[in-house]
Amino acid sequence: MTRILVFPLLMPQFALLVFVAPSILEKGLPEAGFWLFAEQFAYFIVFIPACFAAAVDGVLCKQRRYLRLVITACATGVFALVWAHYLGERPSMHDASVGAIPAALCSWISALSEHKTA
């Protein structure tokens, strides 16, 4: 049940951090105004892939945690590539990582919260 909240609320934040990480390493932290704009943009762009990742994670909820995490990350990485192409961008491995890494983190958080409630 928590995955319905975890993925749509946290995945855009994680995706934004993964997306901006190469720029942060190269140029340092952006200004506060960038974060306010980028956060809204991230929720707008990443909401549908987050719902897809939550659905994949929900289907795999009876599987072992590491298998569920890997399959959710791979499926969401491929979905991110398709989503980037749909949005008119040339898909790259960076786009796949922007989908896969946050999906894996959200799947892990969801598994931890389910383990605590069980």
Protein backbone atom coordinates (compact mmCIF):
# COMPACT_ATOMS: atom_id res chain seq x y z
CA MET A 1 0.00 0.00 0.00
CA THR A 2 2.83 2.40 0.74
CA ARG A 3 4.21 2.05 -2.80
CA ILE A 4 1.25 4.11 -4.05
CA LEU A 5 2.64 7.02 -2.02
CA VAL A 6 6.37 6.28 -2.16
CA PHE A 7 6.82 6.14 -5.93
CA PRO A 8 4.84 9.25 -7.03
CA LEU A 9 6.10 11.39 -4.13
CA LEU A 10 9.77 10.39 -3.91
CA MET A 11 10.71 9.22 -7.40
CA PRO A 12 10.57 12.71 -8.98
CA GLN A 13 12.91 14.03 -6.28
CA PHE A 14 15.37 11.18 -6.76
CA ALA A 15 15.14 11.51 -10.56
CA LEU A 16 15.92 15.22 -10.31
CA LEU A 17 19.01 14.49 -8.22
CA VAL A 18 20.21 11.81 -10.66
CA PHE A 19 19.52 14.09 -13.63
CA VAL A 20 21.43 17.04 -12.14
CA ALA A 21 24.26 15.01 -10.57
CA PRO A 22 26.69 15.26 -13.52
CA SER A 23 26.21 19.03 -13.64
CA ILE A 24 26.68 19.31 -9.88
CA LEU A 25 29.95 17.38 -10.09
CA GLU A 26 31.16 19.59 -12.91
CA LYS A 27 29.92 23.06 -11.92
CA GLY A 28 28.79 22.85 -8.28
CA LEU A 29 25.33 23.33 -6.79
CA PRO A 30 22.84 25.45 -8.74
CA GLU A 31 21.02 28.41 -7.20
CA ALA A 32 17.84 28.00 -5.13
CA GLY A 33 15.66 29.35 -7.94
CA PHE A 34 16.73 26.46 -10.15
CA TRP A 35 15.61 23.90 -7.56
CA LEU A 36 12.17 25.49 -7.19
CA PHE A 37 11.59 25.42 -10.94
CA ALA A 38 13.17 22.00 -11.49
CA GLU A 39 11.14 20.36 -8.74
CA GLN A 40 7.87 21.33 -10.39
CA PHE A 41 9.19 20.23 -13.78
CA ALA A 42 10.34 16.90 -12.32
CA TYR A 43 6.90 16.12 -10.92
CA PHE A 44 5.32 16.98 -14.27
CA ILE A 45 7.71 14.77 -16.28
CA VAL A 46 8.30 11.87 -13.88
CA PHE A 47 4.76 11.25 -12.56
CA ILE A 48 3.79 8.76 -15.30
CA PRO A 49 7.06 6.76 -15.10
CA ALA A 50 6.67 6.74 -11.30
CA CYS A 51 3.19 5.25 -11.60
CA PHE A 52 4.56 2.67 -14.05
CA ALA A 53 7.36 1.76 -11.62
CA ALA A 54 4.85 1.44 -8.76
CA ALA A 55 2.73 -0.90 -10.89
CA VAL A 56 5.73 -3.08 -11.80
CA ASP A 57 6.84 -3.15 -8.17
CA GLY A 58 3.32 -4.05 -7.07
CA VAL A 59 3.13 -6.96 -9.52
CA LEU A 60 6.47 -8.24 -8.17
CA CYS A 61 5.64 -7.77 -4.48
CA LYS A 62 5.77 -11.52 -3.75
CA GLN A 63 9.26 -11.92 -5.25
CA ARG A 64 12.51 -11.68 -3.33
CA ARG A 65 13.55 -8.14 -2.54
CA TYR A 66 16.68 -8.00 -4.71
CA LEU A 67 14.92 -9.59 -7.70
CA ARG A 68 12.02 -7.16 -7.35
CA LEU A 69 14.43 -4.24 -7.12
CA VAL A 70 16.43 -5.26 -10.21
CA ILE A 71 13.40 -5.99 -12.39
CA THR A 72 11.68 -2.76 -11.36
CA ALA A 73 14.85 -0.76 -12.09
CA CYS A 74 15.38 -2.39 -15.50
CA ALA A 75 11.74 -2.03 -16.57
CA THR A 76 11.64 1.60 -15.49
CA GLY A 77 14.96 2.31 -17.20
CA VAL A 78 13.55 1.00 -20.48
CA PHE A 79 10.34 2.95 -19.90
CA ALA A 80 12.40 6.10 -19.30
CA LEU A 81 14.11 5.61 -22.66
CA VAL A 82 10.74 5.24 -24.40
CA TRP A 83 9.38 8.23 -22.45
CA ALA A 84 12.35 10.37 -23.45
CA HIS A 85 11.83 9.45 -27.09
CA TYR A 86 8.13 10.25 -26.78
CA LEU A 87 8.98 13.67 -25.32
CA GLY A 88 11.18 14.40 -28.35
CA GLU A 89 14.58 13.85 -26.78
CA ARG A 90 17.28 11.58 -28.15
CA PRO A 91 17.34 8.71 -25.60
CA SER A 92 20.64 8.04 -23.84
CA MET A 93 21.97 5.94 -20.99
CA HIS A 94 21.66 8.99 -18.78
CA ASP A 95 17.90 8.94 -19.38
CA ALA A 96 17.80 5.25 -18.48
CA SER A 97 19.69 5.91 -15.24
CA VAL A 98 17.31 8.78 -14.39
CA GLY A 99 14.52 6.19 -14.50
CA ALA A 100 16.28 3.13 -13.10
CA ILE A 101 18.12 4.51 -10.07
CA PRO A 102 15.13 6.32 -8.52
CA ALA A 103 12.90 3.30 -9.21
CA ALA A 104 15.37 1.04 -7.42
CA LEU A 105 15.53 3.42 -4.44
CA CYS A 106 11.74 3.67 -4.23
CA SER A 107 11.39 -0.11 -4.53
CA TRP A 108 13.86 -0.55 -1.70
CA ILE A 109 12.05 2.00 0.49
CA SER A 110 8.73 0.34 -0.28
CA ALA A 111 10.13 -3.09 0.62
CA LEU A 112 11.51 -1.73 3.90
CA SER A 113 8.18 -0.19 4.87
CA GLU A 114 6.31 -3.40 4.00
CA HIS A 115 8.75 -5.43 6.06
CA LYS A 116 8.16 -3.20 9.09
CA THR A 117 4.36 -3.46 8.84
CA ALA A 118 4.33 -7.24 8.26
